[in-house]
Amino acid sequence: MTDEEKVRQLFVNMMLDFSPESIRKVAEKYHPGALRYHNKSAQEL
């Protein structure tokens, strides 16, 4: 991993838009260490 990739792994993005397109866009653009969903049940996700 490059230094830039290592730094990106330190961040956890808070997702407000749960569409597959939005999730894919964030994952491909920012390469975060994790994505977090706020106050949603499993059925809503």
PDB file of N, CA and C in Angstrom:
ATOM      1  N   MET A   1       0.833  -1.186   0.000  1.00  0.00           N
ATOM      2  CA  MET A   1       0.000   0.000   0.000  1.00  0.00           C
ATOM      3  C   MET A   1       0.877   1.249   0.000  1.00  0.00           C
ATOM      4  N   THR A   2       0.395   2.236  -0.716  1.00  0.00           N
ATOM      5  CA  THR A   2       1.109   3.517  -0.700  1.00  0.00           C
ATOM      6  C   THR A   2       0.779   4.239   0.608  1.00  0.00           C
ATOM      7  N   ASP A   3       1.540   5.281   0.916  1.00  0.00           N
ATOM      8  CA  ASP A   3       1.248   6.068   2.121  1.00  0.00           C
ATOM      9  C   ASP A   3      -0.157   6.660   2.045  1.00  0.00           C
ATOM     10  N   GLU A   4      -0.565   7.121   0.855  1.00  0.00           N
ATOM     11  CA  GLU A   4      -1.902   7.699   0.690  1.00  0.00           C
ATOM     12  C   GLU A   4      -2.986   6.651   0.984  1.00  0.00           C
ATOM     13  N   GLU A   5      -2.796   5.443   0.494  1.00  0.00           N
ATOM     14  CA  GLU A   5      -3.773   4.369   0.748  1.00  0.00           C
ATOM     15  C   GLU A   5      -3.836   4.026   2.230  1.00  0.00           C
ATOM     16  N   LYS A   6      -2.720   4.033   2.888  1.00  0.00           N
ATOM     17  CA  LYS A   6      -2.681   3.740   4.323  1.00  0.00           C
ATOM     18  C   LYS A   6      -3.452   4.795   5.119  1.00  0.00           C
ATOM     19  N   VAL A   7      -3.286   6.056   4.761  1.00  0.00           N
ATOM     20  CA  VAL A   7      -4.000   7.141   5.443  1.00  0.00           C
ATOM     21  C   VAL A   7      -5.498   6.989   5.235  1.00  0.00           C
ATOM     22  N   ARG A   8      -5.924   6.674   4.023  1.00  0.00           N
ATOM     23  CA  ARG A   8      -7.350   6.506   3.739  1.00  0.00           C
ATOM     24  C   ARG A   8      -7.971   5.405   4.588  1.00  0.00           C
ATOM     25  N   GLN A   9      -7.204   4.388   4.921  1.00  0.00           N
ATOM     26  CA  GLN A   9      -7.710   3.283   5.728  1.00  0.00           C
ATOM     27  C   GLN A   9      -8.025   3.701   7.161  1.00  0.00           C
ATOM     28  N   LEU A  10      -7.557   4.854   7.578  1.00  0.00           N
ATOM     29  CA  LEU A  10      -7.820   5.350   8.929  1.00  0.00           C
ATOM     30  C   LEU A  10      -9.227   5.924   9.088  1.00  0.00           C
ATOM     31  N   PHE A  11      -9.906   6.187   7.981  1.00  0.00           N
ATOM     32  CA  PHE A  11     -11.196   6.874   8.023  1.00  0.00           C
ATOM     33  C   PHE A  11     -12.369   5.923   7.877  1.00  0.00           C
ATOM     34  N   VAL A  12     -13.453   6.267   8.576  1.00  0.00           N
ATOM     35  CA  VAL A  12     -14.718   5.547   8.471  1.00  0.00           C
ATOM     36  C   VAL A  12     -15.755   6.556   8.001  1.00  0.00           C
ATOM     37  N   ASN A  13     -16.330   6.329   6.837  1.00  0.00           N
ATOM     38  CA  ASN A  13     -17.318   7.252   6.282  1.00  0.00           C
ATOM     39  C   ASN A  13     -18.698   6.974   6.859  1.00  0.00           C
ATOM     40  N   MET A  14     -19.429   8.026   7.195  1.00  0.00           N
ATOM     41  CA  MET A  14     -20.825   7.916   7.629  1.00  0.00           C
ATOM     42  C   MET A  14     -21.691   8.031   6.390  1.00  0.00           C
ATOM     43  N   MET A  15     -22.411   6.975   6.074  1.00  0.00           N
ATOM     44  CA  MET A  15     -23.250   6.963   4.878  1.00  0.00           C
ATOM     45  C   MET A  15     -24.650   7.461   5.206  1.00  0.00           C
ATOM     46  N   LEU A  16     -25.129   8.405   4.419  1.00  0.00           N
ATOM     47  CA  LEU A  16     -26.488   8.916   4.563  1.00  0.00           C
ATOM     48  C   LEU A  16     -27.366   8.460   3.406  1.00  0.00           C
ATOM     49  N   ASP A  17     -26.752   8.150   2.284  1.00  0.00           N
ATOM     50  CA  ASP A  17     -27.464   7.636   1.114  1.00  0.00           C
ATOM     51  C   ASP A  17     -27.122   6.152   1.005  1.00  0.00           C
ATOM     52  N   PHE A  18     -28.135   5.308   1.079  1.00  0.00           N
ATOM     53  CA  PHE A  18     -27.909   3.864   1.152  1.00  0.00           C
ATOM     54  C   PHE A  18     -28.058   3.153  -0.187  1.00  0.00           C
ATOM     55  N   SER A  19     -28.130   3.910  -1.264  1.00  0.00           N
ATOM     56  CA  SER A  19     -28.275   3.277  -2.571  1.00  0.00           C
ATOM     57  C   SER A  19     -26.954   2.596  -2.957  1.00  0.00           C
ATOM     58  N   PRO A  20     -27.048   1.473  -3.667  1.00  0.00           N
ATOM     59  CA  PRO A  20     -25.815   0.787  -4.090  1.00  0.00           C
ATOM     60  C   PRO A  20     -24.884   1.688  -4.900  1.00  0.00           C
ATOM     61  N   GLU A  21     -25.468   2.577  -5.698  1.00  0.00           N
ATOM     62  CA  GLU A  21     -24.645   3.477  -6.509  1.00  0.00           C
ATOM     63  C   GLU A  21     -23.835   4.430  -5.632  1.00  0.00           C
ATOM     64  N   SER A  22     -24.470   4.956  -4.596  1.00  0.00           N
ATOM     65  CA  SER A  22     -23.788   5.881  -3.694  1.00  0.00           C
ATOM     66  C   SER A  22     -22.673   5.178  -2.918  1.00  0.00           C
ATOM     67  N   ILE A  23     -22.963   3.995  -2.442  1.00  0.00           N
ATOM     68  CA  ILE A  23     -21.959   3.220  -1.698  1.00  0.00           C
ATOM     69  C   ILE A  23     -20.771   2.908  -2.599  1.00  0.00           C
ATOM     70  N   ARG A  24     -21.046   2.482  -3.813  1.00  0.00           N
ATOM     71  CA  ARG A  24     -19.982   2.161  -4.764  1.00  0.00           C
ATOM     72  C   ARG A  24     -19.139   3.405  -5.071  1.00  0.00           C
ATOM     73  N   LYS A  25     -19.797   4.538  -5.249  1.00  0.00           N
ATOM     74  CA  LYS A  25     -19.102   5.791  -5.571  1.00  0.00           C
ATOM     75  C   LYS A  25     -18.128   6.183  -4.459  1.00  0.00           C
ATOM     76  N   VAL A  26     -18.594   6.135  -3.213  1.00  0.00           N
ATOM     77  CA  VAL A  26     -17.738   6.484  -2.070  1.00  0.00           C
ATOM     78  C   VAL A  26     -16.580   5.494  -1.941  1.00  0.00           C
ATOM     79  N   ALA A  27     -16.884   4.208  -2.067  1.00  0.00           N
ATOM     80  CA  ALA A  27     -15.841   3.186  -1.924  1.00  0.00           C
ATOM     81  C   ALA A  27     -14.768   3.324  -3.000  1.00  0.00           C
ATOM     82  N   GLU A  28     -15.185   3.586  -4.232  1.00  0.00           N
ATOM     83  CA  GLU A  28     -14.225   3.693  -5.326  1.00  0.00           C
ATOM     84  C   GLU A  28     -13.438   5.008  -5.287  1.00  0.00           C
ATOM     85  N   LYS A  29     -14.086   6.081  -4.839  1.00  0.00           N
ATOM     86  CA  LYS A  29     -13.410   7.385  -4.832  1.00  0.00           C
ATOM     87  C   LYS A  29     -12.472   7.556  -3.642  1.00  0.00           C
ATOM     88  N   TYR A  30     -12.926   7.156  -2.444  1.00  0.00           N
ATOM     89  CA  TYR A  30     -12.169   7.447  -1.225  1.00  0.00           C
ATOM     90  C   TYR A  30     -11.447   6.246  -0.623  1.00  0.00           C
ATOM     91  N   HIS A  31     -11.843   5.032  -0.954  1.00  0.00           N
ATOM     92  CA  HIS A  31     -11.230   3.818  -0.416  1.00  0.00           C
ATOM     93  C   HIS A  31     -11.121   3.856   1.108  1.00  0.00           C
ATOM     94  N   PRO A  32     -12.251   4.120   1.803  1.00  0.00           N
ATOM     95  CA  PRO A  32     -12.192   4.216   3.262  1.00  0.00           C
ATOM     96  C   PRO A  32     -11.959   2.854   3.901  1.00  0.00           C
ATOM     97  N   GLY A  33     -11.518   2.874   5.149  1.00  0.00           N
ATOM     98  CA  GLY A  33     -11.317   1.638   5.892  1.00  0.00           C
ATOM     99  C   GLY A  33     -12.622   0.942   6.214  1.00  0.00           C
ATOM    100  N   ALA A  34     -13.701   1.712   6.303  1.00  0.00           N
ATOM    101  CA  ALA A  34     -15.022   1.145   6.612  1.00  0.00           C
ATOM    102  C   ALA A  34     -16.099   2.152   6.222  1.00  0.00           C
ATOM    103  N   LEU A  35     -17.320   1.660   6.130  1.00  0.00           N
ATOM    104  CA  LEU A  35     -18.487   2.517   5.900  1.00  0.00           C
ATOM    105  C   LEU A  35     -19.440   2.288   7.063  1.00  0.00           C
ATOM    106  N   ARG A  36     -20.031   3.350   7.568  1.00  0.00           N
ATOM    107  CA  ARG A  36     -20.908   3.255   8.734  1.00  0.00           C
ATOM    108  C   ARG A  36     -22.319   3.684   8.340  1.00  0.00           C
ATOM    109  N   TYR A  37     -23.286   2.919   8.798  1.00  0.00           N
ATOM    110  CA  TYR A  37     -24.694   3.228   8.560  1.00  0.00           C
ATOM    111  C   TYR A  37     -25.305   3.688   9.867  1.00  0.00           C
ATOM    112  N   HIS A  38     -26.082   4.748   9.832  1.00  0.00           N
ATOM    113  CA  HIS A  38     -26.622   5.339  11.047  1.00  0.00           C
ATOM    114  C   HIS A  38     -28.102   5.025  11.220  1.00  0.00           C
ATOM    115  N   ASN A  39     -28.435   4.397  12.336  1.00  0.00           N
ATOM    116  CA  ASN A  39     -29.821   4.154  12.755  1.00  0.00           C
ATOM    117  C   ASN A  39     -30.710   3.545  11.680  1.00  0.00           C
ATOM    118  N   LYS A  40     -30.281   2.473  11.099  1.00  0.00           N
ATOM    119  CA  LYS A  40     -31.091   1.755  10.120  1.00  0.00           C
ATOM    120  C   LYS A  40     -31.186   0.299  10.546  1.00  0.00           C
ATOM    121  N   SER A  41     -32.367  -0.262  10.382  1.00  0.00           N
ATOM    122  CA  SER A  41     -32.520  -1.683  10.680  1.00  0.00           C
ATOM    123  C   SER A  41     -31.953  -2.494   9.518  1.00  0.00           C
ATOM    124  N   ALA A  42     -31.751  -3.778   9.722  1.00  0.00           N
ATOM    125  CA  ALA A  42     -31.221  -4.642   8.668  1.00  0.00           C
ATOM    126  C   ALA A  42     -32.153  -4.656   7.461  1.00  0.00           C
ATOM    127  N   GLN A  43     -33.439  -4.592   7.689  1.00  0.00           N
ATOM    128  CA  GLN A  43     -34.403  -4.611   6.590  1.00  0.00           C
ATOM    129  C   GLN A  43     -34.299  -3.348   5.730  1.00  0.00           C
ATOM    130  N   GLU A  44     -34.036  -2.202   6.364  1.00  0.00           N
ATOM    131  CA  GLU A  44     -33.941  -0.947   5.630  1.00  0.00           C
ATOM    132  C   GLU A  44     -32.666  -0.864   4.793  1.00  0.00           C
ATOM    133  N   LEU A  45     -31.634  -1.580   5.213  1.00  0.00           N
ATOM    134  CA  LEU A  45     -30.382  -1.566   4.463  1.00  0.00           C
ATOM    135  C   LEU A  45     -30.479  -2.525   3.315  1.00  0.00           C
TER     136      LEU A  45
END
